[in-house]
Amino acid sequence: MAIVIVVASIFVLTGVAWAANKILPFRFCPICVGVSGTWIWMLVGMEIGTLPITNYQLPVALLMGGTVVGLAYQLEKRLPAGDDRWQTPLLWKMLFIPTGFFGAYSLLVASRSLSTAAAVLLAVIVAVFFYRGTRVGGPPSKETKTVAELEKKMKQCC
């Protein structure tokens, strides 16, 4: 019965998110909202005692894992281009996904200290991969100038 509720929740929340995309000035992934929204409300329900942990722990764990992998994939598409050979998409996923699983597990077993540790570690991983080429207060790099020129040409094109 729990899986029927899980699937129904995903459909309902996805539909609500899809409809919200039609009227809101910003967009978000409806299925991502459906999946993550479902595990969030179910996790809260288990935490406050309204949902039996034995019935919902496995479906919530599956949904959390899907969210971690989906987030890794979405962020991978936004990794900054660079010439650092060690910062590959594979390394990104090798670090982010297991750490995300660790964080999801720690949320599932309600360990605040482990959840905090996982969140800090995920923040460090994101910072290393996304903010490695940032220059604060210095002149823009040659790569930044090239990208800006290409963006300007593309805007003038059409």
C-alpha atoms as a PDB file:
ATOM      1  CA  MET A   1       0.000   0.000   0.000  1.00  0.00           C
ATOM      2  CA  ALA A   2       2.865   2.398   0.753  1.00  0.00           C
ATOM      3  CA  ILE A   3       4.118   2.241  -2.840  1.00  0.00           C
ATOM      4  CA  VAL A   4       0.664   3.222  -4.134  1.00  0.00           C
ATOM      5  CA  ILE A   5       0.776   6.301  -1.909  1.00  0.00           C
ATOM      6  CA  VAL A   6       4.330   7.055  -3.069  1.00  0.00           C
ATOM      7  CA  VAL A   7       3.414   6.835  -6.761  1.00  0.00           C
ATOM      8  CA  ALA A   8       0.217   8.846  -6.270  1.00  0.00           C
ATOM      9  CA  SER A   9       2.152  11.538  -4.414  1.00  0.00           C
ATOM     10  CA  ILE A  10       4.745  11.754  -7.180  1.00  0.00           C
ATOM     11  CA  PHE A  11       1.992  12.149  -9.797  1.00  0.00           C
ATOM     12  CA  VAL A  12       0.130  14.789  -7.784  1.00  0.00           C
ATOM     13  CA  LEU A  13       3.199  16.847  -6.871  1.00  0.00           C
ATOM     14  CA  THR A  14       4.552  16.600 -10.421  1.00  0.00           C
ATOM     15  CA  GLY A  15       1.213  17.836 -11.767  1.00  0.00           C
ATOM     16  CA  VAL A  16       1.146  20.730  -9.311  1.00  0.00           C
ATOM     17  CA  ALA A  17       4.713  21.678 -10.243  1.00  0.00           C
ATOM     18  CA  TRP A  18       3.904  21.444 -13.954  1.00  0.00           C
ATOM     19  CA  ALA A  19       0.911  23.758 -13.486  1.00  0.00           C
ATOM     20  CA  ALA A  20       2.987  26.143 -11.364  1.00  0.00           C
ATOM     21  CA  ASN A  21       5.549  26.362 -14.180  1.00  0.00           C
ATOM     22  CA  LYS A  22       2.788  27.752 -16.399  1.00  0.00           C
ATOM     23  CA  ILE A  23       2.180  30.764 -14.137  1.00  0.00           C
ATOM     24  CA  LEU A  24       5.427  31.387 -12.253  1.00  0.00           C
ATOM     25  CA  PRO A  25       8.151  33.606 -13.729  1.00  0.00           C
ATOM     26  CA  PHE A  26      10.768  30.895 -13.115  1.00  0.00           C
ATOM     27  CA  ARG A  27      10.850  27.220 -14.056  1.00  0.00           C
ATOM     28  CA  PHE A  28      11.816  24.045 -12.235  1.00  0.00           C
ATOM     29  CA  CYS A  29      11.759  20.350 -13.061  1.00  0.00           C
ATOM     30  CA  PRO A  30       8.263  18.992 -12.251  1.00  0.00           C
ATOM     31  CA  ILE A  31       9.362  15.371 -11.785  1.00  0.00           C
ATOM     32  CA  CYS A  32      12.182  16.513  -9.497  1.00  0.00           C
ATOM     33  CA  VAL A  33       9.597  18.340  -7.387  1.00  0.00           C
ATOM     34  CA  GLY A  34       7.360  15.268  -7.401  1.00  0.00           C
ATOM     35  CA  VAL A  35      10.070  12.873  -6.267  1.00  0.00           C
ATOM     36  CA  SER A  36      11.846  15.104  -3.762  1.00  0.00           C
ATOM     37  CA  GLY A  37       8.602  16.560  -2.432  1.00  0.00           C
ATOM     38  CA  THR A  38       7.309  13.044  -1.818  1.00  0.00           C
ATOM     39  CA  TRP A  39      10.318  11.849   0.143  1.00  0.00           C
ATOM     40  CA  ILE A  40      10.465  15.085   2.124  1.00  0.00           C
ATOM     41  CA  TRP A  41       6.867  14.917   3.328  1.00  0.00           C
ATOM     42  CA  MET A  42       7.197  11.197   4.017  1.00  0.00           C
ATOM     43  CA  LEU A  43      10.435  11.679   5.950  1.00  0.00           C
ATOM     44  CA  VAL A  44       8.715  14.324   8.055  1.00  0.00           C
ATOM     45  CA  GLY A  45       5.754  11.972   8.537  1.00  0.00           C
ATOM     46  CA  MET A  46       8.058   9.212   9.763  1.00  0.00           C
ATOM     47  CA  GLU A  47       9.914  11.626  12.033  1.00  0.00           C
ATOM     48  CA  ILE A  48       6.751  12.877  13.759  1.00  0.00           C
ATOM     49  CA  GLY A  49       5.263   9.395  13.970  1.00  0.00           C
ATOM     50  CA  THR A  50       2.325   9.659  11.549  1.00  0.00           C
ATOM     51  CA  LEU A  51       3.834   7.236   9.015  1.00  0.00           C
ATOM     52  CA  PRO A  52       5.101   3.808  10.080  1.00  0.00           C
ATOM     53  CA  ILE A  53       8.839   3.645   9.508  1.00  0.00           C
ATOM     54  CA  THR A  54       8.754  -0.037   8.549  1.00  0.00           C
ATOM     55  CA  ASN A  55       6.341   0.667   5.667  1.00  0.00           C
ATOM     56  CA  TYR A  56       7.916   3.850   4.313  1.00  0.00           C
ATOM     57  CA  GLN A  57      11.646   3.638   4.981  1.00  0.00           C
ATOM     58  CA  LEU A  58      12.488   1.646   1.845  1.00  0.00           C
ATOM     59  CA  PRO A  59      10.416   3.750  -0.616  1.00  0.00           C
ATOM     60  CA  VAL A  60      11.804   6.947   0.922  1.00  0.00           C
ATOM     61  CA  ALA A  61      15.354   5.590   0.619  1.00  0.00           C
ATOM     62  CA  LEU A  62      14.781   4.793  -3.070  1.00  0.00           C
ATOM     63  CA  LEU A  63      13.406   8.267  -3.735  1.00  0.00           C
ATOM     64  CA  MET A  64      16.274   9.914  -1.871  1.00  0.00           C
ATOM     65  CA  GLY A  65      18.786   7.942  -3.936  1.00  0.00           C
ATOM     66  CA  GLY A  66      17.054   9.044  -7.114  1.00  0.00           C
ATOM     67  CA  THR A  67      17.233  12.650  -5.964  1.00  0.00           C
ATOM     68  CA  VAL A  68      20.963  12.387  -5.249  1.00  0.00           C
ATOM     69  CA  VAL A  69      21.706  10.902  -8.671  1.00  0.00           C
ATOM     70  CA  GLY A  70      19.405  13.387 -10.426  1.00  0.00           C
ATOM     71  CA  LEU A  71      21.018  16.311  -8.640  1.00  0.00           C
ATOM     72  CA  ALA A  72      24.487  15.050  -9.533  1.00  0.00           C
ATOM     73  CA  TYR A  73      23.437  14.770 -13.176  1.00  0.00           C
ATOM     74  CA  GLN A  74      21.855  18.230 -13.269  1.00  0.00           C
ATOM     75  CA  LEU A  75      24.873  19.833 -11.615  1.00  0.00           C
ATOM     76  CA  GLU A  76      27.265  17.919 -13.866  1.00  0.00           C
ATOM     77  CA  LYS A  77      25.740  19.697 -16.871  1.00  0.00           C
ATOM     78  CA  ARG A  78      26.693  23.007 -15.238  1.00  0.00           C
ATOM     79  CA  LEU A  79      30.274  22.165 -14.328  1.00  0.00           C
ATOM     80  CA  PRO A  80      32.510  25.030 -15.423  1.00  0.00           C
ATOM     81  CA  ALA A  81      34.763  24.324 -18.370  1.00  0.00           C
ATOM     82  CA  GLY A  82      38.405  24.243 -17.465  1.00  0.00           C
ATOM     83  CA  ASP A  83      41.711  22.676 -18.148  1.00  0.00           C
ATOM     84  CA  ASP A  84      42.052  20.876 -14.823  1.00  0.00           C
ATOM     85  CA  ARG A  85      42.387  17.251 -15.882  1.00  0.00           C
ATOM     86  CA  TRP A  86      41.603  15.913 -12.418  1.00  0.00           C
ATOM     87  CA  GLN A  87      38.223  17.660 -12.264  1.00  0.00           C
ATOM     88  CA  THR A  88      36.371  15.353 -14.618  1.00  0.00           C
ATOM     89  CA  PRO A  89      32.635  14.581 -14.654  1.00  0.00           C
ATOM     90  CA  LEU A  90      33.471  11.056 -13.483  1.00  0.00           C
ATOM     91  CA  LEU A  91      35.375  12.350 -10.464  1.00  0.00           C
ATOM     92  CA  TRP A  92      32.503  14.760  -9.769  1.00  0.00           C
ATOM     93  CA  LYS A  93      30.027  11.879  -9.648  1.00  0.00           C
ATOM     94  CA  MET A  94      32.429   9.617  -7.727  1.00  0.00           C
ATOM     95  CA  LEU A  95      32.635  12.196  -4.950  1.00  0.00           C
ATOM     96  CA  PHE A  96      29.142  13.721  -5.013  1.00  0.00           C
ATOM     97  CA  ILE A  97      26.946  10.617  -5.309  1.00  0.00           C
ATOM     98  CA  PRO A  98      28.405   8.493  -2.464  1.00  0.00           C
ATOM     99  CA  THR A  99      28.525  11.571  -0.228  1.00  0.00           C
ATOM    100  CA  GLY A 100      24.924  12.334  -1.164  1.00  0.00           C
ATOM    101  CA  PHE A 101      23.941   8.748  -0.356  1.00  0.00           C
ATOM    102  CA  PHE A 102      25.671   9.105   3.003  1.00  0.00           C
ATOM    103  CA  GLY A 103      23.702  12.306   3.604  1.00  0.00           C
ATOM    104  CA  ALA A 104      20.430  10.686   2.570  1.00  0.00           C
ATOM    105  CA  TYR A 105      21.091   7.736   4.851  1.00  0.00           C
ATOM    106  CA  SER A 106      21.887  10.033   7.759  1.00  0.00           C
ATOM    107  CA  LEU A 107      18.600  11.884   7.189  1.00  0.00           C
ATOM    108  CA  LEU A 108      16.751   8.587   7.063  1.00  0.00           C
ATOM    109  CA  VAL A 109      18.159   7.412  10.385  1.00  0.00           C
ATOM    110  CA  ALA A 110      17.684  10.903  11.883  1.00  0.00           C
ATOM    111  CA  SER A 111      21.330  11.506  12.744  1.00  0.00           C
ATOM    112  CA  ARG A 112      21.777  15.256  12.897  1.00  0.00           C
ATOM    113  CA  SER A 113      25.539  15.070  13.346  1.00  0.00           C
ATOM    114  CA  LEU A 114      26.000  12.791  10.319  1.00  0.00           C
ATOM    115  CA  SER A 115      23.594  14.915   8.256  1.00  0.00           C
ATOM    116  CA  THR A 116      25.571  18.024   9.120  1.00  0.00           C
ATOM    117  CA  ALA A 117      28.854  16.327   8.247  1.00  0.00           C
ATOM    118  CA  ALA A 118      27.451  15.179   4.895  1.00  0.00           C
ATOM    119  CA  ALA A 119      26.094  18.656   4.127  1.00  0.00           C
ATOM    120  CA  VAL A 120      29.472  20.237   4.888  1.00  0.00           C
ATOM    121  CA  LEU A 121      31.292  17.671   2.775  1.00  0.00           C
ATOM    122  CA  LEU A 122      28.856  18.190  -0.124  1.00  0.00           C
ATOM    123  CA  ALA A 123      29.373  21.960   0.150  1.00  0.00           C
ATOM    124  CA  VAL A 124      33.139  21.462  -0.035  1.00  0.00           C
ATOM    125  CA  ILE A 125      32.809  19.204  -3.096  1.00  0.00           C
ATOM    126  CA  VAL A 126      30.556  21.735  -4.834  1.00  0.00           C
ATOM    127  CA  ALA A 127      32.930  24.581  -3.945  1.00  0.00           C
ATOM    128  CA  VAL A 128      35.947  22.715  -5.323  1.00  0.00           C
ATOM    129  CA  PHE A 129      34.224  21.907  -8.607  1.00  0.00           C
ATOM    130  CA  PHE A 130      32.247  25.103  -9.170  1.00  0.00           C
ATOM    131  CA  TYR A 131      34.364  27.881  -7.700  1.00  0.00           C
ATOM    132  CA  ARG A 132      37.844  26.769  -8.645  1.00  0.00           C
ATOM    133  CA  GLY A 133      38.418  29.375 -11.356  1.00  0.00           C
ATOM    134  CA  THR A 134      36.836  32.325  -9.628  1.00  0.00           C
ATOM    135  CA  ARG A 135      39.013  35.394  -9.404  1.00  0.00           C
ATOM    136  CA  VAL A 136      38.136  37.871  -6.718  1.00  0.00           C
ATOM    137  CA  GLY A 137      39.276  41.430  -7.320  1.00  0.00           C
ATOM    138  CA  GLY A 138      41.673  40.568 -10.132  1.00  0.00           C
ATOM    139  CA  PRO A 139      41.439  41.153 -13.860  1.00  0.00           C
ATOM    140  CA  PRO A 140      39.258  38.746 -15.811  1.00  0.00           C
ATOM    141  CA  SER A 141      41.063  35.752 -17.229  1.00  0.00           C
ATOM    142  CA  LYS A 142      41.576  35.238 -20.950  1.00  0.00           C
ATOM    143  CA  GLU A 143      38.985  32.440 -20.846  1.00  0.00           C
ATOM    144  CA  THR A 144      36.406  34.767 -19.235  1.00  0.00           C
ATOM    145  CA  LYS A 145      37.001  37.386 -21.949  1.00  0.00           C
ATOM    146  CA  THR A 146      36.621  34.767 -24.695  1.00  0.00           C
ATOM    147  CA  VAL A 147      33.372  33.478 -23.241  1.00  0.00           C
ATOM    148  CA  ALA A 148      32.026  37.029 -22.911  1.00  0.00           C
ATOM    149  CA  GLU A 149      32.920  37.768 -26.535  1.00  0.00           C
ATOM    150  CA  LEU A 150      31.210  34.592 -27.749  1.00  0.00           C
ATOM    151  CA  GLU A 151      28.094  35.386 -25.718  1.00  0.00           C
ATOM    152  CA  LYS A 152      27.996  38.888 -27.198  1.00  0.00           C
ATOM    153  CA  LYS A 153      28.336  37.544 -30.750  1.00  0.00           C
ATOM    154  CA  MET A 154      25.569  34.995 -30.138  1.00  0.00           C
ATOM    155  CA  LYS A 155      23.219  37.699 -28.850  1.00  0.00           C
ATOM    156  CA  GLN A 156      23.888  39.854 -31.910  1.00  0.00           C
ATOM    157  CA  CYS A 157      23.453  36.923 -34.264  1.00  0.00           C
ATOM    158  CA  CYS A 158      19.721  36.490 -34.145  1.00  0.00           C
END
